[in-house]
Amino acid sequence: MKLESRQTTHAGVNFIITPPPSQDKASFLKFQEVLDELGIAVSHIEYNEQGFVALRQPKMPLQITVGVVGPHAGQLLIIAPTPGRPLDSVEAEAEDIVKAFGLVWPNEHRQLLASDVTIRDLYETSSEHAFKELWERKLGQSPHGLSKLGPSLAGGGLRFVLPPFSEDRHVTEVKIESYLSDSSKLFIEVQFKWETPTSPGIDLNPTRRLELVNDYISKQVVEFIMEVKE
């Protein structure tokens, strides 16, 4: 199978922190003001018991969630669901959002309890049915091997969960699937989860985390797909 082009459809970075940010409306309004000063204007804000969600539409959608997720835990979640948006653009905005968060809710002893990054890509391929080719060429299975499940195949995929295997100590989850709307395309989702609390005062560093996932897709995942079972 040849992967002919790549389009990122989703990039998200999530931080679970302690102590949580204060939940007063004045702080949220200040956060919006600081974001605007940094060039990130949001078009809509939704308040709830856990915090607030800031949204931007329509050309470059962005979702920023700030709130409380436990007795002593807060959340900063940044999601960019724009198809085809360059990752470095997402990284630059994520850095500004983290900066704004630190200016509005400063705490030099803040601790990162957990974090995760998710990137979803859609690849054009040389195949008529991406999963069928994975099934037969990558896994070495019979073309009729799936017939016990049903007479035809609309789509399918592979899922892997890997325990920490690098110095970054993150759990890795990989999904590789044919795209249901167009079976010639391949959908790839990779998530890194850091589940061990860090020392207080550590830099959240969204760019580095996003780059780790992006590089893993570009190298290990693509190499895995391209390697054909003989």
Protein backbone atom coordinates (compact mmCIF):
# COMPACT_ATOMS: atom_id res chain seq x y z
CA MET A 1 0.00 0.00 0.00
CA LYS A 2 1.27 3.45 -0.89
CA LEU A 3 0.32 6.41 1.29
CA GLU A 4 -0.01 9.31 -1.14
CA SER A 5 -0.97 12.31 1.02
CA ARG A 6 -1.67 13.20 4.63
CA GLN A 7 -4.29 15.51 6.08
CA THR A 8 -4.48 16.17 9.81
CA THR A 9 -8.14 16.35 10.86
CA HIS A 10 -7.73 16.73 14.62
CA ALA A 11 -5.04 17.77 17.08
CA GLY A 12 -5.71 17.95 20.80
CA VAL A 13 -3.67 18.37 23.96
CA ASN A 14 -5.06 17.87 27.46
CA PHE A 15 -3.56 18.77 30.84
CA ILE A 16 -4.83 17.68 34.27
CA ILE A 17 -3.30 19.93 36.90
CA THR A 18 -3.34 20.78 40.61
CA PRO A 19 -4.29 23.11 42.14
CA PRO A 20 -7.27 23.72 39.83
CA PRO A 21 -7.99 27.20 38.42
CA SER A 22 -10.45 29.37 40.32
CA GLN A 23 -13.96 29.24 38.91
CA ASP A 24 -15.02 32.89 39.22
CA LYS A 25 -16.40 34.49 36.09
CA ALA A 26 -14.00 37.43 36.38
CA SER A 27 -11.04 35.06 35.86
CA PHE A 28 -12.65 33.54 32.78
CA LEU A 29 -13.30 37.00 31.33
CA LYS A 30 -9.68 37.95 32.05
CA PHE A 31 -8.54 34.77 30.31
CA GLN A 32 -10.59 35.70 27.24
CA GLU A 33 -9.05 39.18 27.32
CA VAL A 34 -5.50 37.83 27.48
CA LEU A 35 -6.22 35.38 24.66
CA ASP A 36 -7.46 38.26 22.53
CA GLU A 37 -4.27 40.23 23.28
CA LEU A 38 -2.27 37.23 22.06
CA GLY A 39 -4.26 37.09 18.82
CA ILE A 40 -6.66 34.28 19.75
CA ALA A 41 -10.17 35.71 19.50
CA VAL A 42 -12.99 33.35 20.49
CA SER A 43 -16.49 33.73 19.09
CA HIS A 44 -18.53 31.95 21.77
CA ILE A 45 -18.20 30.99 25.44
CA GLU A 46 -20.24 28.41 27.33
CA TYR A 47 -20.22 28.40 31.14
CA ASN A 48 -21.11 25.36 33.27
CA GLU A 49 -20.58 24.02 36.78
CA GLN A 50 -17.16 22.62 35.92
CA GLY A 51 -15.80 25.73 34.19
CA PHE A 52 -16.10 27.11 30.70
CA VAL A 53 -15.56 26.24 27.06
CA ALA A 54 -14.36 28.87 24.58
CA LEU A 55 -15.06 28.22 20.91
CA ARG A 56 -13.90 29.77 17.66
CA GLN A 57 -15.62 29.26 14.31
CA PRO A 58 -15.78 28.78 11.39
CA LYS A 59 -12.57 28.92 9.30
CA MET A 60 -10.13 27.74 11.97
CA PRO A 61 -12.20 26.00 14.66
CA LEU A 62 -10.70 25.91 18.13
CA GLN A 63 -12.00 24.67 21.46
CA ILE A 64 -10.48 25.66 24.81
CA THR A 65 -11.83 24.08 27.98
CA VAL A 66 -10.83 25.31 31.43
CA GLY A 67 -12.42 23.79 34.51
CA VAL A 68 -12.40 21.43 37.48
CA VAL A 69 -12.45 17.65 37.03
CA GLY A 70 -12.02 16.53 40.64
CA PRO A 71 -11.72 17.71 44.25
CA HIS A 72 -8.16 18.96 43.72
CA ALA A 73 -7.72 18.69 39.95
CA GLY A 74 -8.27 21.14 37.11
CA GLN A 75 -8.14 20.82 33.34
CA LEU A 76 -6.83 22.77 30.39
CA LEU A 77 -7.95 21.14 27.13
CA ILE A 78 -7.07 22.50 23.69
CA ILE A 79 -8.63 20.98 20.56
CA ALA A 80 -8.11 22.05 16.94
CA PRO A 81 -10.41 20.05 14.64
CA THR A 82 -9.55 21.87 11.42
CA PRO A 83 -8.87 19.50 8.48
CA GLY A 84 -5.60 20.25 6.76
CA ARG A 85 -4.41 22.89 9.20
CA PRO A 86 -0.60 22.93 9.57
CA LEU A 87 0.47 21.44 12.89
CA ASP A 88 2.90 24.26 13.61
CA SER A 89 -0.05 26.67 13.57
CA VAL A 90 -1.82 24.56 16.19
CA GLU A 91 1.37 24.39 18.25
CA ALA A 92 1.83 28.17 18.19
CA GLU A 93 -1.72 28.76 19.41
CA ALA A 94 -1.40 26.05 22.07
CA GLU A 95 1.71 27.78 23.41
CA ASP A 96 -0.17 31.11 23.59
CA ILE A 97 -3.14 29.47 25.34
CA VAL A 98 -0.84 27.89 27.94
CA LYS A 99 0.84 31.28 28.39
CA ALA A 100 -2.53 33.00 28.89
CA PHE A 101 -3.56 30.34 31.39
CA GLY A 102 -0.39 30.93 33.41
CA LEU A 103 -0.92 34.70 33.42
CA VAL A 104 -4.51 34.46 34.66
CA TRP A 105 -3.99 31.59 37.12
CA PRO A 106 -0.33 31.91 38.17
CA ASN A 107 1.06 29.29 40.54
CA GLU A 108 4.74 28.43 40.62
CA HIS A 109 3.96 25.22 42.51
CA ARG A 110 1.36 23.95 40.02
CA GLN A 111 1.78 20.24 39.32
CA LEU A 112 0.90 18.27 36.21
CA LEU A 113 -1.03 15.18 37.30
CA ALA A 114 -1.58 13.70 33.83
CA SER A 115 -1.70 14.74 30.19
CA ASP A 116 -2.50 13.32 26.78
CA VAL A 117 -2.15 14.29 23.14
CA THR A 118 -4.25 12.99 20.25
CA ILE A 119 -3.64 13.47 16.52
CA ARG A 120 -5.95 12.11 13.82
CA ASP A 121 -4.88 11.91 10.19
CA LEU A 122 -6.52 10.92 6.95
CA TYR A 123 -4.30 9.45 4.25
CA GLU A 124 -5.00 9.09 0.55
CA THR A 125 -3.78 5.65 -0.53
CA SER A 126 -3.14 3.71 -3.71
CA SER A 127 -5.63 1.05 -2.60
CA GLU A 128 -9.27 0.59 -3.59
CA HIS A 129 -10.06 -0.67 -0.07
CA ALA A 130 -7.48 0.24 2.55
CA PHE A 131 -8.44 -2.32 5.20
CA LYS A 132 -8.81 -5.13 2.70
CA GLU A 133 -5.23 -4.52 1.61
CA LEU A 134 -4.04 -4.37 5.23
CA TRP A 135 -5.87 -7.62 5.94
CA GLU A 136 -4.42 -9.47 2.99
CA ARG A 137 -0.98 -7.96 2.49
CA LYS A 138 -0.02 -6.73 5.95
CA LEU A 139 -1.58 -9.52 7.98
CA GLY A 140 -1.27 -12.23 5.32
CA GLN A 141 -4.91 -13.30 5.64
CA SER A 142 -7.17 -14.92 3.06
CA PRO A 143 -9.45 -12.58 1.05
CA HIS A 144 -12.35 -14.73 2.29
CA GLY A 145 -11.21 -14.81 5.90
CA LEU A 146 -13.80 -12.31 7.06
CA SER A 147 -16.76 -14.00 5.38
CA LYS A 148 -17.86 -15.65 8.64
CA LEU A 149 -18.72 -12.21 9.99
CA GLY A 150 -20.84 -11.22 7.00
CA PRO A 151 -21.06 -11.34 3.21
CA SER A 152 -19.34 -8.00 2.56
CA LEU A 153 -16.89 -5.59 4.17
CA ALA A 154 -17.64 -1.89 4.64
CA GLY A 155 -14.57 -1.16 6.72
CA GLY A 156 -12.26 -2.38 9.46
CA GLY A 157 -9.15 -1.56 11.39
CA LEU A 158 -6.39 -2.40 13.82
CA ARG A 159 -5.94 -1.13 17.39
CA PHE A 160 -2.82 -1.37 19.53
CA VAL A 161 -2.12 -0.26 23.11
CA LEU A 162 1.53 -0.18 24.10
CA PRO A 163 2.90 0.32 27.64
CA PRO A 164 5.64 2.92 28.23
CA PHE A 165 8.74 2.04 26.22
CA SER A 166 10.70 5.32 26.20
CA GLU A 167 12.13 7.74 28.72
CA ASP A 168 8.99 9.86 28.34
CA ARG A 169 6.99 7.11 30.07
CA HIS A 170 3.82 7.47 28.04
CA VAL A 171 1.20 4.88 27.11
CA THR A 172 0.66 4.74 23.34
CA GLU A 173 -2.62 3.93 21.62
CA VAL A 174 -2.74 3.46 17.84
CA LYS A 175 -5.78 3.02 15.60
CA ILE A 176 -5.44 2.27 11.88
CA GLU A 177 -8.73 1.99 10.00
CA SER A 178 -10.21 2.27 6.55
CA TYR A 179 -12.29 5.45 6.30
CA LEU A 180 -15.97 4.50 6.16
CA SER A 181 -16.95 7.42 3.90
CA ASP A 182 -14.26 6.46 1.38
CA SER A 183 -12.67 3.03 1.85
CA SER A 184 -9.69 3.96 -0.30
CA LYS A 185 -8.57 6.34 2.47
CA LEU A 186 -6.83 5.34 5.69
CA PHE A 187 -7.70 6.88 9.06
CA ILE A 188 -4.95 6.95 11.69
CA GLU A 189 -5.32 8.05 15.30
CA VAL A 190 -2.46 8.09 17.80
CA GLN A 191 -2.73 9.09 21.44
CA PHE A 192 0.08 9.44 23.97
CA LYS A 193 -0.96 9.40 27.65
CA TRP A 194 1.33 10.55 30.44
CA GLU A 195 -0.21 9.14 33.62
CA THR A 196 2.54 9.82 36.19
CA PRO A 197 2.46 13.15 38.10
CA THR A 198 5.41 15.46 37.52
CA SER A 199 7.34 17.66 39.87
CA PRO A 200 5.74 21.04 40.71
CA GLY A 201 6.54 23.92 38.39
CA ILE A 202 7.21 21.87 35.24
CA ASP A 203 6.59 23.50 31.86
CA LEU A 204 3.48 22.09 30.14
CA ASN A 205 5.24 22.35 26.75
CA PRO A 206 2.39 21.51 24.32
CA THR A 207 4.64 21.87 21.26
CA ARG A 208 7.01 19.13 22.37
CA ARG A 209 4.13 16.79 23.18
CA LEU A 210 2.40 17.36 19.85
CA GLU A 211 5.70 16.88 17.99
CA LEU A 212 6.33 13.57 19.74
CA VAL A 213 3.02 12.19 18.49
CA ASN A 214 3.43 13.70 15.03
CA ASP A 215 6.90 12.18 14.63
CA TYR A 216 5.67 8.80 15.82
CA ILE A 217 2.96 8.80 13.14
CA SER A 218 5.30 10.01 10.41
CA LYS A 219 7.94 7.41 11.19
CA GLN A 220 6.90 4.35 13.18
CA VAL A 221 3.24 4.11 12.15
CA VAL A 222 3.84 4.82 8.47
CA GLU A 223 6.75 2.36 8.41
CA PHE A 224 4.55 -0.28 10.04
CA ILE A 225 1.84 0.19 7.38
CA MET A 226 4.25 0.18 4.46
CA GLU A 227 6.03 -2.97 5.59
CA VAL A 228 4.34 -5.79 3.69
CA LYS A 229 4.19 -9.40 4.87
CA GLU A 230 5.73 -11.61 2.21
